[in-house]
Amino acid sequence: MSVIEITKVIVDHCHGEIQGVIELTYDERKKARLKTKTTDGIDLGLFLPRGNVLPDGCIVATKNDQYYKIKAKKELIMQATTDDWVTFSTVCYHLGNRHLTLEIQPLTIIFQPDHVLADLCKHYNFKIIETQLPFNPLNGAYGEFGGHSHNDGLDHSAERTLANKVTDEHKH
């Protein structure tokens, strides 16, 4: 049986039927080359451009436009919560200065298991739990998966993020 080759990323939608769902952890969604399966057991190989993370819910496609949806798979994560916005902001500041991969929710910081980060959060009286959830960290102020294009004659380009606009204005 041959492996279906996924070669294109279409971030927000497609113009065809979704053939299946591919559940991947965050670390798997960072890989440009990966042998995997759909949730229905179909063998797939990712052959994608390097340097991007596949966002939860994005669409990937084969050369002949067979579409598959990416779903963030549940994985072991640490969830740090507080009920104080100043404390939350302080810890986000400290963790952000370390350029860490984090998912930020109201009064909650989610990260891959790391006892050093857990200890820092405990130092600020955060409640820490380990649980299984999909991990969808922020891409950062300057790193967002771009729009997409395909040959249907329609413009599907996404608006630039505020961070990219500010960066562009700084160049001039």
Protein backbone atom coordinates (compact mmCIF):
# COMPACT_ATOMS: atom_id res chain seq x y z
CA MET A 1 0.00 0.00 0.00
CA SER A 2 1.42 3.41 -0.94
CA VAL A 3 1.64 6.42 1.35
CA ILE A 4 -0.39 9.48 0.39
CA GLU A 5 1.92 12.51 0.17
CA ILE A 6 0.73 15.75 1.78
CA THR A 7 2.56 18.67 0.11
CA LYS A 8 0.48 21.82 0.67
CA VAL A 9 -0.86 23.79 3.63
CA ILE A 10 -4.12 25.69 3.31
CA VAL A 11 -4.58 27.55 6.58
CA ASP A 12 -8.26 28.39 6.81
CA HIS A 13 -10.49 26.60 4.28
CA CYS A 14 -10.62 24.56 1.10
CA HIS A 15 -12.85 24.15 -1.91
CA GLY A 16 -13.28 20.41 -1.71
CA GLU A 17 -14.33 17.54 0.48
CA ILE A 18 -12.23 16.71 3.54
CA GLN A 19 -10.91 13.15 3.09
CA GLY A 20 -9.91 12.63 6.72
CA VAL A 21 -8.55 14.01 9.97
CA ILE A 22 -4.91 13.91 11.06
CA GLU A 23 -4.40 14.18 14.83
CA LEU A 24 -0.92 15.43 15.74
CA THR A 25 0.76 16.61 18.93
CA TYR A 26 2.36 20.05 18.99
CA ASP A 27 5.82 18.58 18.40
CA GLU A 28 4.49 16.57 15.44
CA ARG A 29 2.79 19.68 14.00
CA LYS A 30 6.23 21.38 13.92
CA LYS A 31 7.69 18.72 11.63
CA ALA A 32 7.87 19.24 7.88
CA ARG A 33 8.58 15.54 7.24
CA LEU A 34 6.55 12.96 9.10
CA LYS A 35 5.02 9.55 8.47
CA THR A 36 1.59 9.41 10.11
CA LYS A 37 -1.99 8.13 9.69
CA THR A 38 -5.44 9.64 9.60
CA THR A 39 -7.84 8.84 12.43
CA ASP A 40 -9.30 6.25 10.00
CA GLY A 41 -5.90 4.55 9.58
CA ILE A 42 -4.91 5.87 6.13
CA ASP A 43 -1.12 6.10 5.76
CA LEU A 44 0.15 9.61 5.04
CA GLY A 45 3.49 11.31 4.67
CA LEU A 46 3.97 15.02 5.33
CA PHE A 47 6.32 16.70 2.83
CA LEU A 48 5.72 20.34 3.74
CA PRO A 49 7.72 23.58 3.68
CA ARG A 50 10.01 23.79 6.71
CA GLY A 51 9.81 26.35 9.50
CA ASN A 52 6.11 26.48 10.32
CA VAL A 53 3.75 24.88 12.81
CA LEU A 54 0.52 23.42 11.49
CA PRO A 55 -2.27 25.25 13.35
CA ASP A 56 -5.12 23.26 14.85
CA GLY A 57 -7.92 23.16 12.30
CA CYS A 58 -5.83 23.98 9.24
CA ILE A 59 -6.21 22.07 6.00
CA VAL A 60 -3.40 20.23 4.23
CA ALA A 61 -3.56 18.82 0.73
CA THR A 62 -1.97 16.44 -1.73
CA LYS A 63 -0.63 17.56 -5.12
CA ASN A 64 -3.95 16.55 -6.69
CA ASP A 65 -6.02 18.44 -4.06
CA GLN A 66 -7.19 15.75 -1.69
CA TYR A 67 -7.83 17.64 1.55
CA TYR A 68 -7.19 16.59 5.16
CA LYS A 69 -7.88 18.50 8.35
CA ILE A 70 -5.24 18.86 11.08
CA LYS A 71 -6.46 18.39 14.64
CA ALA A 72 -4.36 19.09 17.74
CA LYS A 73 -4.01 15.78 19.58
CA LYS A 74 -4.37 15.57 23.35
CA GLU A 75 -0.97 15.37 25.04
CA LEU A 76 0.50 15.70 28.49
CA ILE A 77 0.74 19.38 29.45
CA MET A 78 1.09 21.45 32.61
CA GLN A 79 -1.59 23.98 33.39
CA ALA A 80 -0.71 26.81 35.80
CA THR A 81 -3.60 28.94 37.10
CA THR A 82 -4.01 31.88 39.40
CA ASP A 83 -6.87 34.18 40.35
CA ASP A 84 -4.79 37.37 40.35
CA TRP A 85 -4.25 39.32 37.11
CA VAL A 86 -1.14 41.15 38.35
CA THR A 87 0.54 37.88 39.35
CA PHE A 88 -0.55 36.33 36.04
CA SER A 89 0.92 39.27 34.10
CA THR A 90 4.17 39.10 36.08
CA VAL A 91 4.68 35.41 35.36
CA CYS A 92 3.74 35.86 31.68
CA TYR A 93 6.36 38.62 31.51
CA HIS A 94 9.06 36.40 33.03
CA LEU A 95 8.21 33.41 30.85
CA GLY A 96 7.91 35.59 27.74
CA ASN A 97 11.39 36.97 28.32
CA ARG A 98 12.65 33.40 28.10
CA HIS A 99 11.03 32.96 24.64
CA LEU A 100 9.21 29.84 25.76
CA THR A 101 6.48 27.98 23.95
CA LEU A 102 3.31 28.80 25.88
CA GLU A 103 -0.43 28.75 25.47
CA ILE A 104 -2.02 31.69 27.27
CA GLN A 105 -5.65 31.61 28.44
CA PRO A 106 -7.37 33.92 30.93
CA LEU A 107 -5.45 33.51 34.23
CA THR A 108 -3.94 30.26 32.88
CA ILE A 109 -0.57 29.43 31.36
CA ILE A 110 -0.22 26.08 29.58
CA PHE A 111 3.15 24.53 28.73
CA GLN A 112 4.77 21.20 27.99
CA PRO A 113 5.98 19.40 31.15
CA ASP A 114 8.94 21.27 32.65
CA HIS A 115 9.70 21.18 36.37
CA VAL A 116 11.67 24.47 36.22
CA LEU A 117 8.67 26.33 34.77
CA ALA A 118 6.35 24.62 37.24
CA ASP A 119 8.61 25.68 40.13
CA LEU A 120 8.64 29.28 38.90
CA CYS A 121 4.84 29.30 38.73
CA LYS A 122 4.58 27.69 42.19
CA HIS A 123 6.88 30.44 43.52
CA TYR A 124 4.13 32.89 42.50
CA ASN A 125 1.43 30.69 44.11
CA PHE A 126 0.00 29.32 40.88
CA LYS A 127 -1.89 26.05 41.10
CA ILE A 128 -0.19 23.48 38.83
CA ILE A 129 -1.86 20.41 37.35
CA GLU A 130 -0.72 17.89 34.76
CA THR A 131 -3.45 16.93 32.34
CA GLN A 132 -4.11 15.71 28.81
CA LEU A 133 -5.24 18.49 26.44
CA PRO A 134 -4.50 19.66 22.91
CA PHE A 135 -1.56 22.11 23.10
CA ASN A 136 -1.93 25.23 20.96
CA PRO A 137 0.80 27.68 21.94
CA LEU A 138 1.12 31.20 20.62
CA ASN A 139 3.28 31.66 17.52
CA GLY A 140 4.86 34.82 18.86
CA ALA A 141 4.54 38.46 17.90
CA TYR A 142 6.31 38.09 14.56
CA GLY A 143 5.69 34.47 13.60
CA GLU A 144 2.30 33.65 12.20
CA PHE A 145 1.60 31.01 9.60
CA GLY A 146 0.92 32.98 6.43
CA GLY A 147 -2.11 32.88 4.20
CA HIS A 148 -2.43 30.50 1.30
CA SER A 149 -3.04 30.45 -2.38
CA HIS A 150 -4.38 28.06 -4.93
CA ASN A 151 -5.31 28.39 -8.56
CA ASP A 152 -9.04 29.08 -8.39
CA GLY A 153 -8.84 32.75 -9.43
CA LEU A 154 -10.00 33.98 -6.01
CA ASP A 155 -8.00 36.04 -3.52
CA HIS A 156 -7.78 34.17 -0.22
CA SER A 157 -4.92 36.10 1.37
CA ALA A 158 -5.32 36.77 5.07
CA GLU A 159 -4.89 40.23 6.55
CA ARG A 160 -1.48 40.90 8.01
CA THR A 161 -1.22 40.74 11.75
CA LEU A 162 -0.76 43.95 13.71
CA ALA A 163 2.76 42.84 14.62
CA ASN A 164 3.70 42.39 10.96
CA LYS A 165 2.22 45.79 10.10
CA VAL A 166 4.23 47.48 12.83
CA THR A 167 7.35 45.66 11.67
CA ASP A 168 6.81 46.82 8.10
CA GLU A 169 6.25 50.42 9.22
CA HIS A 170 9.50 50.29 11.23
CA LYS A 171 11.45 49.39 8.10
CA HIS A 172 10.54 52.71 6.44
